[in-house]
Each structure stands twice: as C-alpha cells, then as structure tokens.
C-alpha cells in the first residue's frame, strides 16, 4: 500500500523572499537551450500522439 503524501510546507521569511525574487527574475535561456527544449517537446509530442498535454 502506498504511503500518504505529506503536505508541502509553506515558505516564510527569507526563503519566501528569495523564492519570490527568483519567480519575478527568471534566468534567461540561451538560444541553444531554447532549441533543445523545443526539440525535446516535439519528440515527446511525436511519441505520444494521444496525450492530452499536446492537444
């Protein structure tokens, strides 16, 4: 039998501030990283044509 999943803890204090800052200031991807991500997406889409994520 599977064990229950614990609740995700709430971020507070400096951890919350750091998380928020990183969400508002994402690290830009290089053109190479963008190309590789797109190719991986296209491969997954081609290999799983019935997946609802790609519709």
N, C-alpha and C. Protein backbone atom coordinates (compact mmCIF):
# COMPACT_ATOMS: atom_id res chain seq x y z
N UNK A 1 0.85 -1.18 0.00
CA UNK A 1 0.00 0.00 0.00
C UNK A 1 0.89 1.24 0.00
N UNK A 2 0.50 2.25 -0.73
CA UNK A 2 1.28 3.48 -0.83
C UNK A 2 1.17 4.31 0.45
N UNK A 3 2.26 4.97 0.75
CA UNK A 3 2.25 5.87 1.91
C UNK A 3 1.61 7.20 1.52
N UNK A 4 0.91 7.85 2.44
CA UNK A 4 0.29 9.15 2.10
C UNK A 4 1.36 10.21 1.86
N UNK A 5 1.05 11.14 0.99
CA UNK A 5 1.95 12.25 0.67
C UNK A 5 1.75 13.35 1.70
N UNK A 6 2.86 13.84 2.26
CA UNK A 6 2.78 14.91 3.25
C UNK A 6 2.46 16.24 2.56
N UNK A 7 1.83 17.16 3.31
CA UNK A 7 1.56 18.49 2.79
C UNK A 7 2.87 19.22 2.52
N UNK A 8 2.85 20.08 1.49
CA UNK A 8 4.02 20.89 1.18
C UNK A 8 4.13 22.00 2.22
N UNK A 9 5.31 22.19 2.80
CA UNK A 9 5.45 23.24 3.81
C UNK A 9 5.34 24.64 3.17
N UNK A 10 4.87 25.58 3.94
CA UNK A 10 4.72 26.96 3.49
C UNK A 10 6.06 27.68 3.67
N UNK A 11 6.47 28.42 2.63
CA UNK A 11 7.71 29.19 2.74
C UNK A 11 7.44 30.47 3.51
N UNK A 12 8.37 30.80 4.41
CA UNK A 12 8.24 32.04 5.18
C UNK A 12 9.60 32.71 5.26
N UNK A 13 9.60 33.96 5.66
CA UNK A 13 10.84 34.69 5.91
C UNK A 13 11.71 34.84 4.67
N UNK A 14 13.01 34.69 4.86
CA UNK A 14 13.99 34.87 3.78
C UNK A 14 13.77 33.87 2.65
N UNK A 15 13.36 32.65 2.98
CA UNK A 15 13.10 31.65 1.94
C UNK A 15 11.99 32.13 1.00
N UNK A 16 10.93 32.70 1.56
CA UNK A 16 9.81 33.20 0.75
C UNK A 16 10.25 34.38 -0.10
N UNK A 17 11.04 35.28 0.47
CA UNK A 17 11.53 36.43 -0.29
C UNK A 17 12.42 35.98 -1.45
N UNK A 18 13.31 35.03 -1.18
CA UNK A 18 14.21 34.53 -2.22
C UNK A 18 13.43 33.83 -3.33
N UNK A 19 12.44 33.02 -2.95
CA UNK A 19 11.61 32.33 -3.93
C UNK A 19 10.87 33.33 -4.81
N UNK A 20 10.27 34.34 -4.19
CA UNK A 20 9.52 35.34 -4.95
C UNK A 20 10.43 36.10 -5.91
N UNK A 21 11.63 36.46 -5.44
CA UNK A 21 12.56 37.18 -6.30
C UNK A 21 12.92 36.34 -7.53
N UNK A 22 13.18 35.06 -7.30
CA UNK A 22 13.55 34.19 -8.42
C UNK A 22 12.37 33.98 -9.38
N UNK A 23 11.16 33.98 -8.88
CA UNK A 23 9.99 33.86 -9.75
C UNK A 23 9.82 35.12 -10.61
N UNK A 24 10.14 36.28 -10.06
CA UNK A 24 9.99 37.55 -10.78
C UNK A 24 11.18 37.85 -11.69
N UNK A 25 12.31 37.19 -11.48
CA UNK A 25 13.53 37.44 -12.25
C UNK A 25 14.12 36.12 -12.75
N UNK A 26 13.43 35.47 -13.69
CA UNK A 26 13.93 34.17 -14.16
C UNK A 26 15.25 34.33 -14.93
N UNK A 27 16.05 33.29 -14.89
CA UNK A 27 17.30 33.28 -15.64
C UNK A 27 16.97 33.07 -17.12
N UNK A 28 17.43 33.97 -18.00
CA UNK A 28 17.12 33.80 -19.42
C UNK A 28 17.81 32.56 -20.00
N UNK A 29 17.14 31.92 -20.95
CA UNK A 29 17.71 30.75 -21.62
C UNK A 29 18.46 31.20 -22.87
N UNK A 30 19.53 30.50 -23.17
CA UNK A 30 20.27 30.77 -24.40
C UNK A 30 19.46 30.21 -25.57
N UNK A 31 19.79 30.65 -26.77
CA UNK A 31 19.11 30.14 -27.96
C UNK A 31 19.29 28.62 -28.09
N UNK A 32 20.46 28.13 -27.70
CA UNK A 32 20.73 26.69 -27.76
C UNK A 32 19.81 25.94 -26.79
N UNK A 33 19.64 26.45 -25.58
CA UNK A 33 18.76 25.81 -24.60
C UNK A 33 17.31 25.82 -25.08
N UNK A 34 16.89 26.92 -25.69
CA UNK A 34 15.53 27.00 -26.22
C UNK A 34 15.32 25.98 -27.33
N UNK A 35 16.31 25.87 -28.22
CA UNK A 35 16.22 24.92 -29.32
C UNK A 35 16.14 23.49 -28.81
N UNK A 36 17.00 23.15 -27.83
CA UNK A 36 16.99 21.80 -27.27
C UNK A 36 15.67 21.49 -26.57
N UNK A 37 15.12 22.46 -25.86
CA UNK A 37 13.83 22.26 -25.18
C UNK A 37 12.72 22.02 -26.19
N UNK A 38 12.73 22.81 -27.27
CA UNK A 38 11.70 22.66 -28.30
C UNK A 38 11.81 21.30 -28.98
N UNK A 39 13.03 20.85 -29.26
CA UNK A 39 13.22 19.56 -29.89
C UNK A 39 12.74 18.42 -28.97
N UNK A 40 13.00 18.53 -27.68
CA UNK A 40 12.53 17.52 -26.73
C UNK A 40 11.00 17.50 -26.69
N UNK A 41 10.39 18.68 -26.71
CA UNK A 41 8.92 18.77 -26.74
C UNK A 41 8.37 18.10 -27.99
N UNK A 42 8.96 18.42 -29.13
CA UNK A 42 8.49 17.84 -30.39
C UNK A 42 8.65 16.32 -30.39
N UNK A 43 9.75 15.79 -29.86
CA UNK A 43 9.95 14.34 -29.77
C UNK A 43 8.87 13.70 -28.89
N UNK A 44 8.61 14.32 -27.74
CA UNK A 44 7.59 13.77 -26.83
C UNK A 44 6.22 13.80 -27.49
N UNK A 45 5.93 14.88 -28.19
CA UNK A 45 4.64 15.02 -28.87
C UNK A 45 4.50 13.95 -29.96
N UNK A 46 5.56 13.72 -30.70
CA UNK A 46 5.55 12.73 -31.78
C UNK A 46 5.39 11.31 -31.23
N UNK A 47 6.01 11.04 -30.07
CA UNK A 47 5.98 9.69 -29.50
C UNK A 47 4.72 9.40 -28.70
N UNK A 48 3.95 10.44 -28.36
CA UNK A 48 2.72 10.26 -27.57
C UNK A 48 1.57 11.04 -28.19
N UNK A 49 1.11 10.66 -29.35
CA UNK A 49 0.10 11.46 -30.07
C UNK A 49 -1.24 11.57 -29.36
N UNK A 50 -1.56 10.65 -28.44
CA UNK A 50 -2.85 10.67 -27.77
C UNK A 50 -2.83 11.38 -26.42
N UNK A 51 -1.68 11.92 -26.04
CA UNK A 51 -1.55 12.59 -24.74
C UNK A 51 -2.31 13.92 -24.76
N UNK A 52 -3.10 14.17 -23.72
CA UNK A 52 -3.92 15.39 -23.67
C UNK A 52 -3.07 16.65 -23.49
N UNK A 53 -1.81 16.52 -23.05
CA UNK A 53 -0.96 17.71 -22.88
C UNK A 53 -0.61 18.36 -24.20
N UNK A 54 -0.68 17.62 -25.31
CA UNK A 54 -0.25 18.13 -26.59
C UNK A 54 -1.40 18.55 -27.49
N UNK A 55 -2.59 18.63 -26.95
CA UNK A 55 -3.74 18.99 -27.79
C UNK A 55 -4.10 20.43 -27.61
